[in-house]
Amino acid sequence: QVQLVESGGGLVQAGGSLRLSCAASGRTFSSNAMGWFRQAPGKEREFVAAVNWSGGSTAYADSVKGRFTISRDYAKNTVYLQMNSLKPEDTAVYYCAASLTRLRPSTTMREYDYWGQGTQVTVSS
């Protein structure tokens, strides 16, 4: 059974940093794209960042460019999201996603086949 388990969320002051982790089990995603999405209260889930199968190509939402960095560790079958200079508007539940077919990073939810349960990130002003 494939599982994606996020961790690393929490409460942080504006300007602070957090690193989210997403550990995959049940199969390896070393040949596939993986991504992070987020959903704030009362809003739709939105794309945050994605990385291709090799880690050499990434994509970011305009709102997080220059502040967030996505990376992956093949040995640990884990993808990370380093979040710096956090703002109150970054407050949301963050979800990890993995694709069975995509090699290149995708900003589209429907191109991801597996999802984690999410981890809460709260940024106080």
Protein backbone atom coordinates (compact mmCIF):
# COMPACT_ATOMS: atom_id res chain seq x y z
CA GLN A 1 0.00 0.00 0.00
CA VAL A 2 1.42 3.36 -1.04
CA GLN A 3 1.59 6.03 1.63
CA LEU A 4 2.86 9.59 1.70
CA VAL A 5 3.41 10.94 5.21
CA GLU A 6 4.13 14.61 5.76
CA SER A 7 5.87 16.02 8.80
CA GLY A 8 7.54 19.20 9.96
CA GLY A 9 4.60 21.54 10.17
CA GLY A 10 3.96 23.78 13.15
CA LEU A 11 3.57 27.30 14.44
CA VAL A 12 6.20 29.87 13.51
CA GLN A 13 6.47 33.64 13.62
CA ALA A 14 6.52 35.69 10.45
CA GLY A 15 10.02 35.73 8.98
CA GLY A 16 10.81 32.29 10.37
CA SER A 17 11.54 29.00 8.65
CA LEU A 18 10.21 25.46 8.55
CA ARG A 19 11.21 22.35 6.64
CA LEU A 20 8.49 19.96 5.60
CA SER A 21 9.25 16.32 4.82
CA CYS A 22 7.23 13.81 2.85
CA ALA A 23 8.24 10.19 3.24
CA ALA A 24 6.92 7.72 0.68
CA SER A 25 6.43 4.05 1.39
CA GLY A 26 5.01 1.14 -0.55
CA ARG A 27 6.84 2.01 -3.76
CA THR A 28 9.64 4.22 -4.94
CA PHE A 29 8.94 7.46 -6.78
CA SER A 30 12.51 8.01 -7.92
CA SER A 31 11.35 8.06 -11.55
CA ASN A 32 8.40 10.36 -11.05
CA ALA A 33 7.55 13.96 -10.33
CA MET A 34 6.52 14.96 -6.82
CA GLY A 35 4.98 18.15 -5.54
CA TRP A 36 3.61 20.21 -2.69
CA PHE A 37 0.22 21.87 -2.59
CA ARG A 38 -1.52 23.84 0.16
CA GLN A 39 -5.03 24.71 1.24
CA ALA A 40 -5.92 27.64 3.43
CA PRO A 41 -9.26 27.82 5.29
CA GLY A 42 -12.07 28.70 2.91
CA LYS A 43 -9.84 28.49 -0.14
CA GLU A 44 -9.16 25.94 -2.84
CA ARG A 45 -6.07 23.78 -2.79
CA GLU A 46 -3.26 25.45 -4.73
CA PHE A 47 0.07 24.50 -6.20
CA VAL A 48 3.21 25.39 -4.23
CA ALA A 49 6.20 23.57 -5.71
CA ALA A 50 7.16 20.51 -7.75
CA VAL A 51 10.30 18.64 -8.71
CA ASN A 52 11.04 16.32 -11.60
CA TRP A 53 12.28 12.75 -11.38
CA SER A 54 15.96 13.72 -11.32
CA GLY A 55 15.67 16.70 -9.02
CA GLY A 56 17.18 18.87 -11.72
CA SER A 57 14.00 20.68 -12.69
CA THR A 58 11.68 22.50 -10.32
CA ALA A 59 8.60 24.68 -10.50
CA TYR A 60 7.25 27.15 -7.97
CA ALA A 61 4.16 29.25 -7.47
CA ASP A 62 4.92 32.95 -7.90
CA SER A 63 3.90 33.57 -4.31
CA VAL A 64 6.73 31.39 -2.93
CA LYS A 65 9.53 31.92 -5.47
CA GLY A 66 12.75 32.91 -3.79
CA ARG A 67 11.49 31.80 -0.37
CA PHE A 68 10.70 28.07 -0.74
CA THR A 69 12.95 25.31 -2.05
CA ILE A 70 11.86 21.80 -3.01
CA SER A 71 14.33 18.92 -3.00
CA ARG A 72 14.37 15.14 -2.84
CA ASP A 73 16.46 12.38 -1.29
CA TYR A 74 16.28 9.20 -3.36
CA ALA A 75 17.90 7.02 -0.74
CA LYS A 76 15.20 7.98 1.73
CA ASN A 77 12.37 8.14 -0.83
CA THR A 78 11.60 11.54 0.65
CA VAL A 79 10.82 14.99 -0.72
CA TYR A 80 11.38 18.19 1.26
CA LEU A 81 10.05 21.73 1.21
CA GLN A 82 12.32 24.28 2.85
CA MET A 83 10.26 27.36 3.67
CA ASN A 84 12.04 30.59 4.58
CA SER A 85 10.82 34.13 5.21
CA LEU A 86 7.40 32.80 6.07
CA LYS A 87 4.42 35.13 5.92
CA PRO A 88 1.00 34.91 7.59
CA GLU A 89 -0.51 34.25 4.16
CA ASP A 90 1.52 31.02 3.99
CA THR A 91 -0.73 29.60 6.70
CA ALA A 92 -2.39 26.46 5.32
CA VAL A 93 -2.44 22.71 5.39
CA TYR A 94 0.40 21.51 3.18
CA TYR A 95 -0.01 18.34 1.14
CA CYS A 96 2.59 16.19 -0.55
CA ALA A 97 1.72 14.53 -3.87
CA ALA A 98 3.33 11.97 -6.16
CA SER A 99 2.70 11.15 -9.79
CA LEU A 100 2.75 7.71 -11.38
CA THR A 101 3.25 9.02 -14.89
CA ARG A 102 4.78 12.49 -14.84
CA LEU A 103 8.53 12.86 -15.20
CA ARG A 104 8.53 16.65 -15.33
CA PRO A 105 7.17 18.83 -12.53
CA SER A 106 3.48 19.61 -12.82
CA THR A 107 1.42 22.41 -11.31
CA THR A 108 -1.86 20.55 -11.90
CA MET A 109 -3.50 18.53 -9.14
CA ARG A 110 -5.09 15.98 -11.47
CA GLU A 111 -1.66 14.82 -12.66
CA TYR A 112 -0.80 13.52 -9.20
CA ASP A 113 -1.99 10.09 -8.16
CA TYR A 114 -1.08 9.85 -4.50
CA TRP A 115 -1.59 12.37 -1.72
CA GLY A 116 -0.56 12.66 1.87
CA GLN A 117 -2.91 13.61 4.67
CA GLY A 118 -1.37 17.03 5.14
CA THR A 119 0.54 18.94 7.78
CA GLN A 120 -0.57 22.24 9.29
CA VAL A 121 1.64 25.30 8.94
CA THR A 122 0.62 28.38 10.91
CA VAL A 123 2.51 31.65 10.59
CA SER A 124 1.76 34.29 13.20
CA SER A 125 2.20 38.00 12.56
